[in-house]
Full PDB file with SEQRES, HELIX, SHEET, SSBOND, CRYST1, ORIGX, SCALE, CONECT and MASTER records, all heavy atoms in Angstrom:
SEQRES   1 A   36  VAL SER LEU ALA TRP ASP ASP PRO GLY ALA THR PRO SER          
SEQRES   2 A   36  ALA LEU PHE GLN LEU VAL ASN ASP LEU ASP LEU ARG LEU          
SEQRES   3 A   36  ILE SER PRO SER GLY GLN GLU PHE ALA PRO                      
SHEET    1 AA1 2 LEU A  26  ILE A  27  0                                        
SHEET    2 AA1 2 GLU A  33  PHE A  34 -1                                        
CRYST1    1.000    1.000    1.000  90.00  90.00  90.00 P 1           1          
ORIGX1      1.000000  0.000000  0.000000        0.00000                         
ORIGX2      0.000000  1.000000  0.000000        0.00000                         
ORIGX3      0.000000  0.000000  1.000000        0.00000                         
SCALE1      1.000000  0.000000  0.000000        0.00000                         
SCALE2      0.000000  1.000000  0.000000        0.00000                         
SCALE3      0.000000  0.000000  1.000000        0.00000                         
ATOM      1  N   VAL A   1       0.867  -1.173   0.000  1.00  0.00           N  
ATOM      2  CA  VAL A   1       0.000   0.000   0.000  1.00  0.00           C  
ATOM      3  C   VAL A   1       0.905   1.224   0.000  1.00  0.00           C  
ATOM      4  O   VAL A   1       1.823   1.330   0.818  1.00  0.00           O  
ATOM      5  CB  VAL A   1      -0.935   0.018   1.233  1.00  0.00           C  
ATOM      6  CG1 VAL A   1      -1.767   1.291   1.255  1.00  0.00           C  
ATOM      7  CG2 VAL A   1      -1.830  -1.213   1.237  1.00  0.00           C  
ATOM      8  N   SER A   2       0.637   2.136  -0.933  1.00  0.00           N  
ATOM      9  CA  SER A   2       1.458   3.339  -1.067  1.00  0.00           C  
ATOM     10  C   SER A   2       0.619   4.587  -0.872  1.00  0.00           C  
ATOM     11  O   SER A   2      -0.570   4.606  -1.186  1.00  0.00           O  
ATOM     12  CB  SER A   2       2.115   3.388  -2.448  1.00  0.00           C  
ATOM     13  OG  SER A   2       2.982   2.299  -2.617  1.00  0.00           O  
ATOM     14  N   LEU A   3       1.257   5.629  -0.385  1.00  0.00           N  
ATOM     15  CA  LEU A   3       0.653   6.946  -0.218  1.00  0.00           C  
ATOM     16  C   LEU A   3       1.615   7.947  -0.831  1.00  0.00           C  
ATOM     17  O   LEU A   3       2.814   7.929  -0.523  1.00  0.00           O  
ATOM     18  CB  LEU A   3       0.443   7.250   1.271  1.00  0.00           C  
ATOM     19  CG  LEU A   3      -0.010   8.656   1.640  1.00  0.00           C  
ATOM     20  CD1 LEU A   3      -1.431   8.903   1.125  1.00  0.00           C  
ATOM     21  CD2 LEU A   3       0.047   8.852   3.147  1.00  0.00           C  
ATOM     22  N   ALA A   4       1.099   8.790  -1.714  1.00  0.00           N  
ATOM     23  CA  ALA A   4       1.918   9.842  -2.325  1.00  0.00           C  
ATOM     24  C   ALA A   4       1.073  11.104  -2.401  1.00  0.00           C  
ATOM     25  O   ALA A   4      -0.127  11.035  -2.661  1.00  0.00           O  
ATOM     26  CB  ALA A   4       2.377   9.427  -3.719  1.00  0.00           C  
ATOM     27  N   TRP A   5       1.676  12.248  -2.163  1.00  0.00           N  
ATOM     28  CA  TRP A   5       0.943  13.511  -2.218  1.00  0.00           C  
ATOM     29  C   TRP A   5       1.848  14.620  -2.712  1.00  0.00           C  
ATOM     30  O   TRP A   5       3.057  14.570  -2.588  1.00  0.00           O  
ATOM     31  CB  TRP A   5       0.355  13.870  -0.844  1.00  0.00           C  
ATOM     32  CG  TRP A   5       1.372  14.159   0.236  1.00  0.00           C  
ATOM     33  CD1 TRP A   5       1.812  15.391   0.650  1.00  0.00           C  
ATOM     34  CD2 TRP A   5       2.069  13.216   1.053  1.00  0.00           C  
ATOM     35  NE1 TRP A   5       2.732  15.276   1.657  1.00  0.00           N  
ATOM     36  CE2 TRP A   5       2.907  13.940   1.936  1.00  0.00           C  
ATOM     37  CE3 TRP A   5       2.070  11.830   1.145  1.00  0.00           C  
ATOM     38  CZ2 TRP A   5       3.731  13.335   2.878  1.00  0.00           C  
ATOM     39  CZ3 TRP A   5       2.894  11.231   2.074  1.00  0.00           C  
ATOM     40  CH2 TRP A   5       3.701  11.974   2.928  1.00  0.00           C  
ATOM     41  N   ASP A   6       1.207  15.639  -3.310  1.00  0.00           N  
ATOM     42  CA  ASP A   6       1.927  16.835  -3.738  1.00  0.00           C  
ATOM     43  C   ASP A   6       2.100  17.716  -2.508  1.00  0.00           C  
ATOM     44  O   ASP A   6       1.150  17.981  -1.783  1.00  0.00           O  
ATOM     45  CB  ASP A   6       1.147  17.602  -4.812  1.00  0.00           C  
ATOM     46  CG  ASP A   6       1.073  16.830  -6.118  1.00  0.00           C  
ATOM     47  OD1 ASP A   6       2.019  16.072  -6.405  1.00  0.00           O  
ATOM     48  OD2 ASP A   6       0.086  16.981  -6.846  1.00  0.00           O  
ATOM     49  N   ASP A   7       3.303  18.157  -2.275  1.00  0.00           N  
ATOM     50  CA  ASP A   7       3.601  18.981  -1.112  1.00  0.00           C  
ATOM     51  C   ASP A   7       4.054  20.355  -1.599  1.00  0.00           C  
ATOM     52  O   ASP A   7       4.876  20.434  -2.512  1.00  0.00           O  
ATOM     53  CB  ASP A   7       4.713  18.308  -0.293  1.00  0.00           C  
ATOM     54  CG  ASP A   7       4.659  18.659   1.175  1.00  0.00           C  
ATOM     55  OD1 ASP A   7       3.586  18.472   1.775  1.00  0.00           O  
ATOM     56  OD2 ASP A   7       5.672  19.123   1.719  1.00  0.00           O  
ATOM     57  N   PRO A   8       3.552  21.435  -1.008  1.00  0.00           N  
ATOM     58  CA  PRO A   8       4.008  22.757  -1.429  1.00  0.00           C  
ATOM     59  C   PRO A   8       5.486  22.945  -1.081  1.00  0.00           C  
ATOM     60  O   PRO A   8       6.001  22.295  -0.163  1.00  0.00           O  
ATOM     61  CB  PRO A   8       3.128  23.715  -0.644  1.00  0.00           C  
ATOM     62  CG  PRO A   8       2.679  22.945   0.542  1.00  0.00           C  
ATOM     63  CD  PRO A   8       2.595  21.506   0.090  1.00  0.00           C  
ATOM     64  N   GLY A   9       6.130  23.815  -1.802  1.00  0.00           N  
ATOM     65  CA  GLY A   9       7.543  24.083  -1.542  1.00  0.00           C  
ATOM     66  C   GLY A   9       7.757  24.741  -0.194  1.00  0.00           C  
ATOM     67  O   GLY A   9       7.004  25.643   0.207  1.00  0.00           O  
ATOM     68  N   ALA A  10       8.741  24.278   0.536  1.00  0.00           N  
ATOM     69  CA  ALA A  10       9.093  24.883   1.822  1.00  0.00           C  
ATOM     70  C   ALA A  10       9.997  26.078   1.565  1.00  0.00           C  
ATOM     71  O   ALA A  10      10.511  26.268   0.459  1.00  0.00           O  
ATOM     72  CB  ALA A  10       9.815  23.859   2.695  1.00  0.00           C  
ATOM     73  N   THR A  11      10.217  26.870   2.577  1.00  0.00           N  
ATOM     74  CA  THR A  11      11.155  27.977   2.437  1.00  0.00           C  
ATOM     75  C   THR A  11      12.554  27.388   2.261  1.00  0.00           C  
ATOM     76  O   THR A  11      12.874  26.354   2.858  1.00  0.00           O  
ATOM     77  CB  THR A  11      11.123  28.908   3.664  1.00  0.00           C  
ATOM     78  OG1 THR A  11      11.423  28.136   4.826  1.00  0.00           O  
ATOM     79  CG2 THR A  11       9.769  29.567   3.821  1.00  0.00           C  
ATOM     80  N   PRO A  12      13.388  28.008   1.435  1.00  0.00           N  
ATOM     81  CA  PRO A  12      14.718  27.444   1.161  1.00  0.00           C  
ATOM     82  C   PRO A  12      15.574  27.201   2.401  1.00  0.00           C  
ATOM     83  O   PRO A  12      16.398  26.316   2.414  1.00  0.00           O  
ATOM     84  CB  PRO A  12      15.367  28.488   0.247  1.00  0.00           C  
ATOM     85  CG  PRO A  12      14.216  29.185  -0.398  1.00  0.00           C  
ATOM     86  CD  PRO A  12      13.119  29.207   0.646  1.00  0.00           C  
ATOM     87  N   SER A  13      15.368  27.970   3.457  1.00  0.00           N  
ATOM     88  CA  SER A  13      16.199  27.824   4.654  1.00  0.00           C  
ATOM     89  C   SER A  13      15.628  26.821   5.659  1.00  0.00           C  
ATOM     90  O   SER A  13      16.214  26.602   6.714  1.00  0.00           O  
ATOM     91  CB  SER A  13      16.351  29.184   5.339  1.00  0.00           C  
ATOM     92  OG  SER A  13      15.073  29.667   5.734  1.00  0.00           O  
ATOM     93  N   ALA A  14      14.520  26.181   5.332  1.00  0.00           N  
ATOM     94  CA  ALA A  14      13.891  25.238   6.270  1.00  0.00           C  
ATOM     95  C   ALA A  14      14.800  24.044   6.516  1.00  0.00           C  
ATOM     96  O   ALA A  14      15.429  23.525   5.594  1.00  0.00           O  
ATOM     97  CB  ALA A  14      12.544  24.773   5.727  1.00  0.00           C  
ATOM     98  N   LEU A  15      14.870  23.601   7.770  1.00  0.00           N  
ATOM     99  CA  LEU A  15      15.690  22.439   8.122  1.00  0.00           C  
ATOM    100  C   LEU A  15      15.172  21.198   7.400  1.00  0.00           C  
ATOM    101  O   LEU A  15      15.937  20.407   6.877  1.00  0.00           O  
ATOM    102  CB  LEU A  15      15.682  22.227   9.640  1.00  0.00           C  
ATOM    103  CG  LEU A  15      16.523  21.068  10.169  1.00  0.00           C  
ATOM    104  CD1 LEU A  15      17.988  21.245   9.773  1.00  0.00           C  
ATOM    105  CD2 LEU A  15      16.385  20.959  11.671  1.00  0.00           C  
ATOM    106  N   PHE A  16      13.836  21.014   7.380  1.00  0.00           N  
ATOM    107  CA  PHE A  16      13.209  19.930   6.637  1.00  0.00           C  
ATOM    108  C   PHE A  16      12.336  20.547   5.559  1.00  0.00           C  
ATOM    109  O   PHE A  16      11.622  21.508   5.810  1.00  0.00           O  
ATOM    110  CB  PHE A  16      12.356  19.040   7.559  1.00  0.00           C  
ATOM    111  CG  PHE A  16      13.164  18.291   8.571  1.00  0.00           C  
ATOM    112  CD1 PHE A  16      13.195  18.679   9.894  1.00  0.00           C  
ATOM    113  CD2 PHE A  16      13.905  17.190   8.182  1.00  0.00           C  
ATOM    114  CE1 PHE A  16      13.953  17.990  10.820  1.00  0.00           C  
ATOM    115  CE2 PHE A  16      14.669  16.488   9.102  1.00  0.00           C  
ATOM    116  CZ  PHE A  16      14.692  16.890  10.421  1.00  0.00           C  
ATOM    117  N   GLN A  17      12.393  19.996   4.360  1.00  0.00           N  
ATOM    118  CA  GLN A  17      11.666  20.559   3.241  1.00  0.00           C  
ATOM    119  C   GLN A  17      10.214  20.085   3.169  1.00  0.00           C  
ATOM    120  O   GLN A  17       9.415  20.657   2.452  1.00  0.00           O  
ATOM    121  CB  GLN A  17      12.387  20.237   1.930  1.00  0.00           C  
ATOM    122  CG  GLN A  17      13.788  20.823   1.853  1.00  0.00           C  
ATOM    123  CD  GLN A  17      13.787  22.342   1.904  1.00  0.00           C  
ATOM    124  OE1 GLN A  17      13.039  22.990   1.187  1.00  0.00           O  
ATOM    125  NE2 GLN A  17      14.616  22.914   2.751  1.00  0.00           N  
ATOM    126  N   LEU A  18       9.850  19.042   3.917  1.00  0.00           N  
ATOM    127  CA  LEU A  18       8.493  18.528   3.883  1.00  0.00           C  
ATOM    128  C   LEU A  18       7.579  19.459   4.678  1.00  0.00           C  
ATOM    129  O   LEU A  18       7.822  19.749   5.842  1.00  0.00           O  
ATOM    130  CB  LEU A  18       8.459  17.120   4.483  1.00  0.00           C  
ATOM    131  CG  LEU A  18       7.158  16.349   4.342  1.00  0.00           C  
ATOM    132  CD1 LEU A  18       6.811  16.123   2.874  1.00  0.00           C  
ATOM    133  CD2 LEU A  18       7.240  15.021   5.071  1.00  0.00           C  
ATOM    134  N   VAL A  19       6.506  19.940   4.037  1.00  0.00           N  
ATOM    135  CA  VAL A  19       5.558  20.834   4.699  1.00  0.00           C  
ATOM    136  C   VAL A  19       4.450  20.027   5.366  1.00  0.00           C  
ATOM    137  O   VAL A  19       4.131  20.234   6.528  1.00  0.00           O  
ATOM    138  CB  VAL A  19       4.967  21.849   3.686  1.00  0.00           C  
ATOM    139  CG1 VAL A  19       3.869  22.670   4.322  1.00  0.00           C  
ATOM    140  CG2 VAL A  19       6.074  22.740   3.131  1.00  0.00           C  
ATOM    141  N   ASN A  20       3.840  19.103   4.624  1.00  0.00           N  
ATOM    142  CA  ASN A  20       2.756  18.272   5.147  1.00  0.00           C  
ATOM    143  C   ASN A  20       3.289  16.867   5.414  1.00  0.00           C  
ATOM    144  O   ASN A  20       3.597  16.135   4.490  1.00  0.00           O  
ATOM    145  CB  ASN A  20       1.598  18.207   4.147  1.00  0.00           C  
ATOM    146  CG  ASN A  20       0.974  19.561   3.936  1.00  0.00           C  
ATOM    147  OD1 ASN A  20       0.480  20.165   4.871  1.00  0.00           O  
ATOM    148  ND2 ASN A  20       1.014  20.062   2.716  1.00  0.00           N  
ATOM    149  N   ASP A  21       3.394  16.508   6.673  1.00  0.00           N  
ATOM    150  CA  ASP A  21       3.936  15.207   7.062  1.00  0.00           C  
ATOM    151  C   ASP A  21       2.786  14.229   7.279  1.00  0.00           C  
ATOM    152  O   ASP A  21       2.196  14.181   8.358  1.00  0.00           O  
ATOM    153  CB  ASP A  21       4.780  15.338   8.325  1.00  0.00           C  
ATOM    154  CG  ASP A  21       5.423  14.037   8.742  1.00  0.00           C  
ATOM    155  OD1 ASP A  21       5.385  13.060   7.959  1.00  0.00           O  
ATOM    156  OD2 ASP A  21       5.967  13.980   9.858  1.00  0.00           O  
ATOM    157  N   LEU A  22       2.447  13.474   6.231  1.00  0.00           N  
ATOM    158  CA  LEU A  22       1.406  12.457   6.346  1.00  0.00           C  
ATOM    159  C   LEU A  22       2.055  11.148   6.772  1.00  0.00           C  
ATOM    160  O   LEU A  22       3.201  10.871   6.434  1.00  0.00           O  
ATOM    161  CB  LEU A  22       0.695  12.273   5.003  1.00  0.00           C  
ATOM    162  CG  LEU A  22       0.085  13.534   4.385  1.00  0.00           C  
ATOM    163  CD1 LEU A  22      -0.665  13.173   3.111  1.00  0.00           C  
ATOM    164  CD2 LEU A  22      -0.826  14.250   5.351  1.00  0.00           C  
ATOM    165  N   ASP A  23       1.332  10.347   7.539  1.00  0.00           N  
ATOM    166  CA  ASP A  23       1.869   9.081   8.044  1.00  0.00           C  
ATOM    167  C   ASP A  23       0.945   7.938   7.663  1.00  0.00           C  
ATOM    168  O   ASP A  23      -0.226   7.928   8.038  1.00  0.00           O  
ATOM    169  CB  ASP A  23       2.027   9.129   9.567  1.00  0.00           C  
ATOM    170  CG  ASP A  23       3.061  10.153   9.989  1.00  0.00           C  
ATOM    171  OD1 ASP A  23       4.184  10.085   9.462  1.00  0.00           O  
ATOM    172  OD2 ASP A  23       2.755  11.008  10.827  1.00  0.00           O  
ATOM    173  N   LEU A  24       1.476   6.988   6.912  1.00  0.00           N  
ATOM    174  CA  LEU A  24       0.726   5.814   6.487  1.00  0.00           C  
ATOM    175  C   LEU A  24       0.954   4.684   7.485  1.00  0.00           C  
ATOM    176  O   LEU A  24       2.096   4.388   7.851  1.00  0.00           O  
ATOM    177  CB  LEU A  24       1.198   5.371   5.096  1.00  0.00           C  
ATOM    178  CG  LEU A  24       0.575   4.112   4.521  1.00  0.00           C  
ATOM    179  CD1 LEU A  24      -0.925   4.290   4.330  1.00  0.00           C  
ATOM    180  CD2 LEU A  24       1.238   3.765   3.189  1.00  0.00           C  
ATOM    181  N   ARG A  25      -0.129   4.063   7.925  1.00  0.00           N  
ATOM    182  CA  ARG A  25      -0.065   2.897   8.800  1.00  0.00           C  
ATOM    183  C   ARG A  25      -1.123   1.916   8.338  1.00  0.00           C  
ATOM    184  O   ARG A  25      -2.222   2.302   7.951  1.00  0.00           O  
ATOM    185  CB  ARG A  25      -0.367   3.263  10.257  1.00  0.00           C  
ATOM    186  CG  ARG A  25       0.663   4.155  10.913  1.00  0.00           C  
ATOM    187  CD  ARG A  25       1.976   3.411  11.126  1.00  0.00           C  
ATOM    188  NE  ARG A  25       2.930   4.180  11.866  1.00  0.00           N  
ATOM    189  CZ  ARG A  25       3.791   5.028  11.342  1.00  0.00           C  
ATOM    190  NH1 ARG A  25       3.790   5.248  10.056  1.00  0.00           N  
ATOM    191  NH2 ARG A  25       4.663   5.664  12.093  1.00  0.00           N  
ATOM    192  N   LEU A  26      -0.808   0.633   8.394  1.00  0.00           N  
ATOM    193  CA  LEU A  26      -1.790  -0.417   8.147  1.00  0.00           C  
ATOM    194  C   LEU A  26      -2.004  -1.142   9.463  1.00  0.00           C  
ATOM    195  O   LEU A  26      -1.043  -1.459  10.167  1.00  0.00           O  
ATOM    196  CB  LEU A  26      -1.294  -1.402   7.091  1.00  0.00           C  
ATOM    197  CG  LEU A  26      -1.074  -0.865   5.683  1.00  0.00           C  
ATOM    198  CD1 LEU A  26      -0.688  -1.997   4.739  1.00  0.00           C  
ATOM    199  CD2 LEU A  26      -2.303  -0.157   5.168  1.00  0.00           C  
ATOM    200  N   ILE A  27      -3.270  -1.412   9.776  1.00  0.00           N  
ATOM    201  CA  ILE A  27      -3.627  -2.136  10.988  1.00  0.00           C  
ATOM    202  C   ILE A  27      -4.349  -3.407  10.560  1.00  0.00           C  
ATOM    203  O   ILE A  27      -5.359  -3.352   9.860  1.00  0.00           O  
ATOM    204  CB  ILE A  27      -4.550  -1.300  11.906  1.00  0.00           C  
ATOM    205  CG1 ILE A  27      -3.999   0.110  12.133  1.00  0.00           C  
ATOM    206  CG2 ILE A  27      -4.789  -2.036  13.221  1.00  0.00           C  
ATOM    207  CD1 ILE A  27      -2.687   0.174  12.853  1.00  0.00           C  
ATOM    208  N   SER A  28      -3.819  -4.555  10.962  1.00  0.00           N  
ATOM    209  CA  SER A  28      -4.433  -5.840  10.596  1.00  0.00           C  
ATOM    210  C   SER A  28      -5.700  -6.056  11.409  1.00  0.00           C  
ATOM    211  O   SER A  28      -5.921  -5.387  12.433  1.00  0.00           O  
ATOM    212  CB  SER A  28      -3.445  -6.975  10.848  1.00  0.00           C  
ATOM    213  OG  SER A  28      -3.314  -7.196  12.240  1.00  0.00           O  
ATOM    214  N   PRO A  29      -6.544  -6.998  10.990  1.00  0.00           N  
ATOM    215  CA  PRO A  29      -7.749  -7.306  11.764  1.00  0.00           C  
ATOM    216  C   PRO A  29      -7.448  -7.694  13.221  1.00  0.00           C  
ATOM    217  O   PRO A  29      -8.250  -7.453  14.109  1.00  0.00           O  
ATOM    218  CB  PRO A  29      -8.378  -8.478  11.001  1.00  0.00           C  
ATOM    219  CG  PRO A  29      -7.919  -8.281   9.598  1.00  0.00           C  
ATOM    220  CD  PRO A  29      -6.510  -7.740   9.729  1.00  0.00           C  
ATOM    221  N   SER A  30      -6.277  -8.257  13.465  1.00  0.00           N  
ATOM    222  CA  SER A  30      -5.922  -8.637  14.838  1.00  0.00           C  
ATOM    223  C   SER A  30      -5.253  -7.498  15.612  1.00  0.00           C  
ATOM    224  O   SER A  30      -4.885  -7.654  16.768  1.00  0.00           O  
ATOM    225  CB  SER A  30      -4.990  -9.857  14.828  1.00  0.00           C  
ATOM    226  OG  SER A  30      -3.763  -9.526  14.197  1.00  0.00           O  
ATOM    227  N   GLY A  31      -5.077  -6.341  14.945  1.00  0.00           N  
ATOM    228  CA  GLY A  31      -4.529  -5.166  15.626  1.00  0.00           C  
ATOM    229  C   GLY A  31      -3.049  -4.924  15.420  1.00  0.00           C  
ATOM    230  O   GLY A  31      -2.503  -3.962  15.953  1.00  0.00           O  
ATOM    231  N   GLN A  32      -2.371  -5.758  14.642  1.00  0.00           N  
ATOM    232  CA  GLN A  32      -0.943  -5.545  14.393  1.00  0.00           C  
ATOM    233  C   GLN A  32      -0.766  -4.337  13.478  1.00  0.00           C  
ATOM    234  O   GLN A  32      -1.457  -4.192  12.478  1.00  0.00           O  
ATOM    235  CB  GLN A  32      -0.307  -6.775  13.755  1.00  0.00           C  
ATOM    236  CG  GLN A  32       1.190  -6.637  13.589  1.00  0.00           C  
ATOM    237  CD  GLN A  32       1.844  -7.910  13.063  1.00  0.00           C  
ATOM    238  OE1 GLN A  32       1.199  -8.907  12.793  1.00  0.00           O  
ATOM    239  NE2 GLN A  32       3.154  -7.860  12.908  1.00  0.00           N  
ATOM    240  N   GLU A  33       0.164  -3.457  13.822  1.00  0.00           N  
ATOM    241  CA  GLU A  33       0.420  -2.241  13.045  1.00  0.00           C  
ATOM    242  C   GLU A  33       1.652  -2.420  12.168  1.00  0.00           C  
ATOM    243  O   GLU A  33       2.671  -2.938  12.616  1.00  0.00           O  
ATOM    244  CB  GLU A  33       0.627  -1.048  13.979  1.00  0.00           C  
ATOM    245  CG  GLU A  33       0.836   0.256  13.245  1.00  0.00           C  
ATOM    246  CD  GLU A  33       0.897   1.449  14.167  1.00  0.00           C  
ATOM    247  OE1 GLU A  33      -0.028   1.630  14.982  1.00  0.00           O  
ATOM    248  OE2 GLU A  33       1.873   2.214  14.073  1.00  0.00           O  
ATOM    249  N   PHE A  34       1.540  -1.958  10.924  1.00  0.00           N  
ATOM    250  CA  PHE A  34       2.645  -2.015   9.971  1.00  0.00           C  
ATOM    251  C   PHE A  34       2.977  -0.594   9.529  1.00  0.00           C  
ATOM    252  O   PHE A  34       2.097   0.166   9.132  1.00  0.00           O  
ATOM    253  CB  PHE A  34       2.259  -2.866   8.751  1.00  0.00           C  
ATOM    254  CG  PHE A  34       1.963  -4.297   9.099  1.00  0.00           C  
ATOM    255  CD1 PHE A  34       0.689  -4.691   9.446  1.00  0.00           C  
ATOM    256  CD2 PHE A  34       2.976  -5.236   9.105  1.00  0.00           C  
ATOM    257  CE1 PHE A  34       0.402  -6.006   9.777  1.00  0.00           C  
ATOM    258  CE2 PHE A  34       2.712  -6.558   9.436  1.00  0.00           C  
ATOM    259  CZ  PHE A  34       1.425  -6.947   9.779  1.00  0.00           C  
ATOM    260  N   ALA A  35       4.264  -0.232   9.588  1.00  0.00           N  
ATOM    261  CA  ALA A  35       4.735   1.111   9.252  1.00  0.00           C  
ATOM    262  C   ALA A  35       5.482   1.082   7.916  1.00  0.00           C  
ATOM    263  O   ALA A  35       5.897   0.019   7.450  1.00  0.00           O  
ATOM    264  CB  ALA A  35       5.648   1.631  10.362  1.00  0.00           C  
ATOM    265  N   PRO A  36       5.685   2.252   7.311  1.00  0.00           N  
ATOM    266  CA  PRO A  36       6.361   2.305   6.011  1.00  0.00           C  
ATOM    267  C   PRO A  36       7.869   2.081   6.106  1.00  0.00           C  
ATOM    268  O   PRO A  36       8.472   2.197   7.172  1.00  0.00           O  
ATOM    269  CB  PRO A  36       6.057   3.728   5.523  1.00  0.00           C  
ATOM    270  CG  PRO A  36       5.880   4.520   6.763  1.00  0.00           C  
ATOM    271  CD  PRO A  36       5.249   3.577   7.752  1.00  0.00           C  
TER     272      PRO A  36                                                      
MASTER        0    0    0    0    2    0    0    6  271    1    0    3          
END                                                                             
């Protein structure tokens, strides 16, 4: 399972360039969590 999004440009001096930090997680029927 993939997640991709268009992110606006950050200011050039920003420590991290990602503006919108989305987090993908999958949760199984038994409750086990899977991270990217």
